Amino acid sequence: MNLVGYAIKTLRISKGLTQEQLTAKCNLVGWDISRGTLAKIESKVRRVTDYEVSYLAKALGVREQDLFNEIPSKKIK
């Protein structure tokens, strides 16, 4: 399960970053990730481990919990 993909994409876009730029930032903080892997994470195709959440938060300049605060709520019918 991937709970943070939507938040990562939303935060990345709000900061004016491309997927390539975010992957470069991830590489700078110590996580070797490709643009393709990031695309899969953002589209919730790939799972994200705890340590990967930490790297993504550092690269985006946010707290780890901020990635979970951006989860869109679904309306219950």
PDB file of N, CA and C in Angstrom:
ATOM      1  N   MET A   1       0.841  -1.184   0.000  1.00  0.00           N
ATOM      2  CA  MET A   1       0.000   0.000   0.000  1.00  0.00           C
ATOM      3  C   MET A   1       0.887   1.248   0.000  1.00  0.00           C
ATOM      4  N   ASN A   2       0.454   2.257  -0.697  1.00  0.00           N
ATOM      5  CA  ASN A   2       1.210   3.499  -0.823  1.00  0.00           C
ATOM      6  C   ASN A   2       0.294   4.653  -0.425  1.00  0.00           C
ATOM      7  N   LEU A   3       0.509   5.194   0.759  1.00  0.00           N
ATOM      8  CA  LEU A   3      -0.336   6.280   1.258  1.00  0.00           C
ATOM      9  C   LEU A   3       0.194   7.665   0.926  1.00  0.00           C
ATOM     10  N   VAL A   4       1.416   7.761   0.434  1.00  0.00           N
ATOM     11  CA  VAL A   4       2.044   9.074   0.281  1.00  0.00           C
ATOM     12  C   VAL A   4       2.231   9.543  -1.162  1.00  0.00           C
ATOM     13  N   GLY A   5       1.904   8.719  -2.120  1.00  0.00           N
ATOM     14  CA  GLY A   5       2.129   9.074  -3.525  1.00  0.00           C
ATOM     15  C   GLY A   5       1.473  10.377  -3.934  1.00  0.00           C
ATOM     16  N   TYR A   6       0.215  10.549  -3.548  1.00  0.00           N
ATOM     17  CA  TYR A   6      -0.514  11.772  -3.892  1.00  0.00           C
ATOM     18  C   TYR A   6       0.158  12.996  -3.271  1.00  0.00           C
ATOM     19  N   ALA A   7       0.555  12.881  -2.009  1.00  0.00           N
ATOM     20  CA  ALA A   7       1.188  14.004  -1.317  1.00  0.00           C
ATOM     21  C   ALA A   7       2.527  14.361  -1.944  1.00  0.00           C
ATOM     22  N   ILE A   8       3.290  13.358  -2.314  1.00  0.00           N
ATOM     23  CA  ILE A   8       4.589  13.613  -2.939  1.00  0.00           C
ATOM     24  C   ILE A   8       4.401  14.396  -4.233  1.00  0.00           C
ATOM     25  N   LYS A   9       3.474  13.952  -5.053  1.00  0.00           N
ATOM     26  CA  LYS A   9       3.222  14.644  -6.319  1.00  0.00           C
ATOM     27  C   LYS A   9       2.719  16.064  -6.076  1.00  0.00           C
ATOM     28  N   THR A  10       1.782  16.224  -5.150  1.00  0.00           N
ATOM     29  CA  THR A  10       1.220  17.541  -4.843  1.00  0.00           C
ATOM     30  C   THR A  10       2.295  18.495  -4.336  1.00  0.00           C
ATOM     31  N   LEU A  11       3.116  18.032  -3.397  1.00  0.00           N
ATOM     32  CA  LEU A  11       4.177  18.875  -2.845  1.00  0.00           C
ATOM     33  C   LEU A  11       5.239  19.185  -3.898  1.00  0.00           C
ATOM     34  N   ARG A  12       5.581  18.202  -4.698  1.00  0.00           N
ATOM     35  CA  ARG A  12       6.580  18.422  -5.758  1.00  0.00           C
ATOM     36  C   ARG A  12       6.117  19.515  -6.711  1.00  0.00           C
ATOM     37  N   ILE A  13       4.876  19.423  -7.151  1.00  0.00           N
ATOM     38  CA  ILE A  13       4.335  20.415  -8.083  1.00  0.00           C
ATOM     39  C   ILE A  13       4.232  21.784  -7.419  1.00  0.00           C
ATOM     40  N   SER A  14       3.802  21.813  -6.155  1.00  0.00           N
ATOM     41  CA  SER A  14       3.661  23.102  -5.457  1.00  0.00           C
ATOM     42  C   SER A  14       5.006  23.796  -5.269  1.00  0.00           C
ATOM     43  N   LYS A  15       6.086  23.018  -5.236  1.00  0.00           N
ATOM     44  CA  LYS A  15       7.428  23.590  -5.103  1.00  0.00           C
ATOM     45  C   LYS A  15       8.071  23.863  -6.464  1.00  0.00           C
ATOM     46  N   GLY A  16       7.315  23.615  -7.541  1.00  0.00           N
ATOM     47  CA  GLY A  16       7.813  23.899  -8.883  1.00  0.00           C
ATOM     48  C   GLY A  16       8.892  22.946  -9.359  1.00  0.00           C
ATOM     49  N   LEU A  17       8.884  21.725  -8.844  1.00  0.00           N
ATOM     50  CA  LEU A  17       9.903  20.745  -9.212  1.00  0.00           C
ATOM     51  C   LEU A  17       9.372  19.755 -10.240  1.00  0.00           C
ATOM     52  N   THR A  18      10.232  19.366 -11.156  1.00  0.00           N
ATOM     53  CA  THR A  18       9.907  18.266 -12.061  1.00  0.00           C
ATOM     54  C   THR A  18      10.279  16.962 -11.355  1.00  0.00           C
ATOM     55  N   GLN A  19       9.851  15.854 -11.922  1.00  0.00           N
ATOM     56  CA  GLN A  19      10.253  14.564 -11.355  1.00  0.00           C
ATOM     57  C   GLN A  19      11.766  14.408 -11.412  1.00  0.00           C
ATOM     58  N   GLU A  20      12.375  14.862 -12.478  1.00  0.00           N
ATOM     59  CA  GLU A  20      13.832  14.778 -12.609  1.00  0.00           C
ATOM     60  C   GLU A  20      14.534  15.582 -11.516  1.00  0.00           C
ATOM     61  N   GLN A  21      14.009  16.772 -11.231  1.00  0.00           N
ATOM     62  CA  GLN A  21      14.612  17.611 -10.193  1.00  0.00           C
ATOM     63  C   GLN A  21      14.462  16.980  -8.810  1.00  0.00           C
ATOM     64  N   LEU A  22      13.302  16.389  -8.539  1.00  0.00           N
ATOM     65  CA  LEU A  22      13.116  15.750  -7.231  1.00  0.00           C
ATOM     66  C   LEU A  22      14.013  14.521  -7.099  1.00  0.00           C
ATOM     67  N   THR A  23      14.162  13.751  -8.162  1.00  0.00           N
ATOM     68  CA  THR A  23      15.059  12.595  -8.065  1.00  0.00           C
ATOM     69  C   THR A  23      16.502  13.048  -7.844  1.00  0.00           C
ATOM     70  N   ALA A  24      16.893  14.163  -8.445  1.00  0.00           N
ATOM     71  CA  ALA A  24      18.241  14.700  -8.212  1.00  0.00           C
ATOM     72  C   ALA A  24      18.405  15.098  -6.750  1.00  0.00           C
ATOM     73  N   LYS A  25      17.382  15.713  -6.160  1.00  0.00           N
ATOM     74  CA  LYS A  25      17.434  16.084  -4.742  1.00  0.00           C
ATOM     75  C   LYS A  25      17.514  14.842  -3.858  1.00  0.00           C
ATOM     76  N   CYS A  26      16.767  13.802  -4.223  1.00  0.00           N
ATOM     77  CA  CYS A  26      16.829  12.541  -3.474  1.00  0.00           C
ATOM     78  C   CYS A  26      18.232  11.954  -3.535  1.00  0.00           C
ATOM     79  N   ASN A  27      18.841  12.014  -4.709  1.00  0.00           N
ATOM     80  CA  ASN A  27      20.211  11.516  -4.854  1.00  0.00           C
ATOM     81  C   ASN A  27      21.169  12.291  -3.957  1.00  0.00           C
ATOM     82  N   LEU A  28      20.960  13.599  -3.827  1.00  0.00           N
ATOM     83  CA  LEU A  28      21.831  14.428  -2.985  1.00  0.00           C
ATOM     84  C   LEU A  28      21.712  14.087  -1.507  1.00  0.00           C
ATOM     85  N   VAL A  29      20.523  13.639  -1.069  1.00  0.00           N
ATOM     86  CA  VAL A  29      20.351  13.289   0.345  1.00  0.00           C
ATOM     87  C   VAL A  29      20.652  11.815   0.609  1.00  0.00           C
ATOM     88  N   GLY A  30      21.085  11.088  -0.437  1.00  0.00           N
ATOM     89  CA  GLY A  30      21.557   9.728  -0.220  1.00  0.00           C
ATOM     90  C   GLY A  30      20.710   8.591  -0.747  1.00  0.00           C
ATOM     91  N   TRP A  31      19.650   8.894  -1.500  1.00  0.00           N
ATOM     92  CA  TRP A  31      18.807   7.822  -2.040  1.00  0.00           C
ATOM     93  C   TRP A  31      18.902   7.826  -3.554  1.00  0.00           C
ATOM     94  N   ASP A  32      19.434   6.762  -4.112  1.00  0.00           N
ATOM     95  CA  ASP A  32      19.581   6.625  -5.560  1.00  0.00           C
ATOM     96  C   ASP A  32      18.252   6.150  -6.143  1.00  0.00           C
ATOM     97  N   ILE A  33      17.488   7.072  -6.709  1.00  0.00           N
ATOM     98  CA  ILE A  33      16.167   6.781  -7.258  1.00  0.00           C
ATOM     99  C   ILE A  33      16.096   7.312  -8.683  1.00  0.00           C
ATOM    100  N   SER A  34      15.397   6.585  -9.533  1.00  0.00           N
ATOM    101  CA  SER A  34      15.221   7.028 -10.923  1.00  0.00           C
ATOM    102  C   SER A  34      13.902   7.781 -11.078  1.00  0.00           C
ATOM    103  N   ARG A  35      13.779   8.509 -12.178  1.00  0.00           N
ATOM    104  CA  ARG A  35      12.532   9.216 -12.451  1.00  0.00           C
ATOM    105  C   ARG A  35      11.383   8.229 -12.617  1.00  0.00           C
ATOM    106  N   GLY A  36      11.658   7.097 -13.233  1.00  0.00           N
ATOM    107  CA  GLY A  36      10.631   6.078 -13.421  1.00  0.00           C
ATOM    108  C   GLY A  36      10.099   5.534 -12.107  1.00  0.00           C
ATOM    109  N   THR A  37      10.997   5.322 -11.151  1.00  0.00           N
ATOM    110  CA  THR A  37      10.571   4.849  -9.834  1.00  0.00           C
ATOM    111  C   THR A  37       9.725   5.904  -9.142  1.00  0.00           C
ATOM    112  N   LEU A  38      10.131   7.166  -9.226  1.00  0.00           N
ATOM    113  CA  LEU A  38       9.339   8.243  -8.629  1.00  0.00           C
ATOM    114  C   LEU A  38       7.957   8.311  -9.264  1.00  0.00           C
ATOM    115  N   ALA A  39       7.887   8.152 -10.566  1.00  0.00           N
ATOM    116  CA  ALA A  39       6.592   8.177 -11.258  1.00  0.00           C
ATOM    117  C   ALA A  39       5.688   7.063 -10.740  1.00  0.00           C
ATOM    118  N   LYS A  40       6.256   5.887 -10.510  1.00  0.00           N
ATOM    119  CA  LYS A  40       5.473   4.770  -9.979  1.00  0.00           C
ATOM    120  C   LYS A  40       5.002   5.049  -8.556  1.00  0.00           C
ATOM    121  N   ILE A  41       5.842   5.705  -7.761  1.00  0.00           N
ATOM    122  CA  ILE A  41       5.453   6.058  -6.392  1.00  0.00           C
ATOM    123  C   ILE A  41       4.321   7.075  -6.427  1.00  0.00           C
ATOM    124  N   GLU A  42       4.472   8.105  -7.242  1.00  0.00           N
ATOM    125  CA  GLU A  42       3.442   9.147  -7.323  1.00  0.00           C
ATOM    126  C   GLU A  42       2.108   8.607  -7.823  1.00  0.00           C
ATOM    127  N   SER A  43       2.151   7.622  -8.689  1.00  0.00           N
ATOM    128  CA  SER A  43       0.900   7.053  -9.211  1.00  0.00           C
ATOM    129  C   SER A  43       0.408   5.880  -8.362  1.00  0.00           C
ATOM    130  N   LYS A  44       1.075   5.648  -7.239  1.00  0.00           N
ATOM    131  CA  LYS A  44       0.712   4.620  -6.260  1.00  0.00           C
ATOM    132  C   LYS A  44       0.792   3.202  -6.815  1.00  0.00           C
ATOM    133  N   VAL A  45       1.673   2.994  -7.786  1.00  0.00           N
ATOM    134  CA  VAL A  45       1.904   1.666  -8.349  1.00  0.00           C
ATOM    135  C   VAL A  45       2.947   0.922  -7.514  1.00  0.00           C
ATOM    136  N   ARG A  46       3.881   1.680  -6.926  1.00  0.00           N
ATOM    137  CA  ARG A  46       4.974   1.097  -6.151  1.00  0.00           C
ATOM    138  C   ARG A  46       4.831   1.455  -4.678  1.00  0.00           C
ATOM    139  N   ARG A  47       5.126   0.483  -3.830  1.00  0.00           N
ATOM    140  CA  ARG A  47       5.110   0.723  -2.384  1.00  0.00           C
ATOM    141  C   ARG A  47       6.289   1.607  -1.987  1.00  0.00           C
ATOM    142  N   VAL A  48       6.149   2.256  -0.835  1.00  0.00           N
ATOM    143  CA  VAL A  48       7.201   3.129  -0.323  1.00  0.00           C
ATOM    144  C   VAL A  48       7.567   2.658   1.076  1.00  0.00           C
ATOM    145  N   THR A  49       8.848   2.417   1.308  1.00  0.00           N
ATOM    146  CA  THR A  49       9.293   1.981   2.629  1.00  0.00           C
ATOM    147  C   THR A  49       9.445   3.184   3.559  1.00  0.00           C
ATOM    148  N   ASP A  50       9.592   2.897   4.844  1.00  0.00           N
ATOM    149  CA  ASP A  50       9.759   3.967   5.828  1.00  0.00           C
ATOM    150  C   ASP A  50      10.987   4.822   5.527  1.00  0.00           C
ATOM    151  N   TYR A  51      12.096   4.173   5.204  1.00  0.00           N
ATOM    152  CA  TYR A  51      13.306   4.962   4.955  1.00  0.00           C
ATOM    153  C   TYR A  51      13.167   5.799   3.687  1.00  0.00           C
ATOM    154  N   GLU A  52      12.405   5.314   2.709  1.00  0.00           N
ATOM    155  CA  GLU A  52      12.184   6.090   1.488  1.00  0.00           C
ATOM    156  C   GLU A  52      11.324   7.317   1.769  1.00  0.00           C
ATOM    157  N   VAL A  53      10.348   7.181   2.665  1.00  0.00           N
ATOM    158  CA  VAL A  53       9.540   8.335   3.081  1.00  0.00           C
ATOM    159  C   VAL A  53      10.455   9.389   3.701  1.00  0.00           C
ATOM    160  N   SER A  54      11.403   8.945   4.498  1.00  0.00           N
ATOM    161  CA  SER A  54      12.344   9.871   5.130  1.00  0.00           C
ATOM    162  C   SER A  54      13.176  10.624   4.090  1.00  0.00           C
ATOM    163  N   TYR A  55      13.699   9.912   3.104  1.00  0.00           N
ATOM    164  CA  TYR A  55      14.474  10.560   2.039  1.00  0.00           C
ATOM    165  C   TYR A  55      13.618  11.535   1.236  1.00  0.00           C
ATOM    166  N   LEU A  56      12.402  11.127   0.902  1.00  0.00           N
ATOM    167  CA  LEU A  56      11.515  12.002   0.125  1.00  0.00           C
ATOM    168  C   LEU A  56      11.182  13.270   0.903  1.00  0.00           C
ATOM    169  N   ALA A  57      10.930  13.135   2.199  1.00  0.00           N
ATOM    170  CA  ALA A  57      10.630  14.304   3.025  1.00  0.00           C
ATOM    171  C   ALA A  57      11.824  15.259   3.049  1.00  0.00           C
ATOM    172  N   LYS A  58      13.026  14.711   3.243  1.00  0.00           N
ATOM    173  CA  LYS A  58      14.231  15.553   3.242  1.00  0.00           C
ATOM    174  C   LYS A  58      14.396  16.265   1.905  1.00  0.00           C
ATOM    175  N   ALA A  59      14.213  15.536   0.824  1.00  0.00           N
ATOM    176  CA  ALA A  59      14.384  16.117  -0.511  1.00  0.00           C
ATOM    177  C   ALA A  59      13.351  17.203  -0.791  1.00  0.00           C
ATOM    178  N   LEU A  60      12.148  17.037  -0.253  1.00  0.00           N
ATOM    179  CA  LEU A  60      11.085  18.029  -0.452  1.00  0.00           C
ATOM    180  C   LEU A  60      11.139  19.161   0.576  1.00  0.00           C
ATOM    181  N   GLY A  61      11.964  19.003   1.608  1.00  0.00           N
ATOM    182  CA  GLY A  61      12.078  20.033   2.637  1.00  0.00           C
ATOM    183  C   GLY A  61      10.870  20.098   3.553  1.00  0.00           C
ATOM    184  N   VAL A  62      10.272  18.932   3.823  1.00  0.00           N
ATOM    185  CA  VAL A  62       9.104  18.867   4.706  1.00  0.00           C
ATOM    186  C   VAL A  62       9.345  17.804   5.776  1.00  0.00           C
ATOM    187  N   ARG A  63       8.455  17.768   6.770  1.00  0.00           N
ATOM    188  CA  ARG A  63       8.521  16.715   7.781  1.00  0.00           C
ATOM    189  C   ARG A  63       7.900  15.437   7.210  1.00  0.00           C
ATOM    190  N   GLU A  64       8.321  14.299   7.706  1.00  0.00           N
ATOM    191  CA  GLU A  64       7.769  13.025   7.230  1.00  0.00           C
ATOM    192  C   GLU A  64       6.254  12.991   7.369  1.00  0.00           C
ATOM    193  N   GLN A  65       5.740  13.466   8.499  1.00  0.00           N
ATOM    194  CA  GLN A  65       4.290  13.429   8.725  1.00  0.00           C
ATOM    195  C   GLN A  65       3.529  14.319   7.745  1.00  0.00           C
ATOM    196  N   ASP A  66       4.200  15.310   7.166  1.00  0.00           N
ATOM    197  CA  ASP A  66       3.539  16.161   6.168  1.00  0.00           C
ATOM    198  C   ASP A  66       3.146  15.360   4.930  1.00  0.00           C
ATOM    199  N   LEU A  67       3.869  14.297   4.650  1.00  0.00           N
ATOM    200  CA  LEU A  67       3.530  13.463   3.497  1.00  0.00           C
ATOM    201  C   LEU A  67       2.235  12.687   3.730  1.00  0.00           C
ATOM    202  N   PHE A  68       1.890  12.488   4.982  1.00  0.00           N
ATOM    203  CA  PHE A  68       0.651  11.778   5.308  1.00  0.00           C
ATOM    204  C   PHE A  68      -0.519  12.737   5.493  1.00  0.00           C
ATOM    205  N   ASN A  69      -0.236  14.009   5.719  1.00  0.00           N
ATOM    206  CA  ASN A  69      -1.293  15.005   5.908  1.00  0.00           C
ATOM    207  C   ASN A  69      -1.964  15.403   4.610  1.00  0.00           C
ATOM    208  N   GLU A  70      -1.349  15.111   3.481  1.00  0.00           N
ATOM    209  CA  GLU A  70      -1.873  15.517   2.179  1.00  0.00           C
ATOM    210  C   GLU A  70      -2.755  14.455   1.531  1.00  0.00           C
ATOM    211  N   ILE A  71      -3.130  13.436   2.288  1.00  0.00           N
ATOM    212  CA  ILE A  71      -3.933  12.349   1.727  1.00  0.00           C
ATOM    213  C   ILE A  71      -5.355  12.848   1.496  1.00  0.00           C
ATOM    214  N   PRO A  72      -5.841  12.749   0.261  1.00  0.00           N
ATOM    215  CA  PRO A  72      -7.212  13.205   0.002  1.00  0.00           C
ATOM    216  C   PRO A  72      -8.220  12.270   0.654  1.00  0.00           C
ATOM    217  N   SER A  73      -9.251  12.839   1.224  1.00  0.00           N
ATOM    218  CA  SER A  73     -10.279  12.008   1.853  1.00  0.00           C
ATOM    219  C   SER A  73     -11.310  11.612   0.814  1.00  0.00           C
ATOM    220  N   LYS A  74     -11.824  10.411   0.961  1.00  0.00           N
ATOM    221  CA  LYS A  74     -12.864   9.929   0.055  1.00  0.00           C
ATOM    222  C   LYS A  74     -14.208  10.102   0.741  1.00  0.00           C
ATOM    223  N   LYS A  75     -15.176  10.513  -0.031  1.00  0.00           N
ATOM    224  CA  LYS A  75     -16.516  10.671   0.512  1.00  0.00           C
ATOM    225  C   LYS A  75     -17.158   9.303   0.673  1.00  0.00           C
ATOM    226  N   ILE A  76     -17.780   9.102   1.805  1.00  0.00           N
ATOM    227  CA  ILE A  76     -18.489   7.855   2.065  1.00  0.00           C
ATOM    228  C   ILE A  76     -19.939   8.051   1.694  1.00  0.00           C
ATOM    229  N   LYS A  77     -20.444   7.166   0.856  1.00  0.00           N
ATOM    230  CA  LYS A  77     -21.835   7.283   0.412  1.00  0.00           C
ATOM    231  C   LYS A  77     -22.740   6.438   1.269  1.00  0.00           C
TER     232      LYS A  77
END
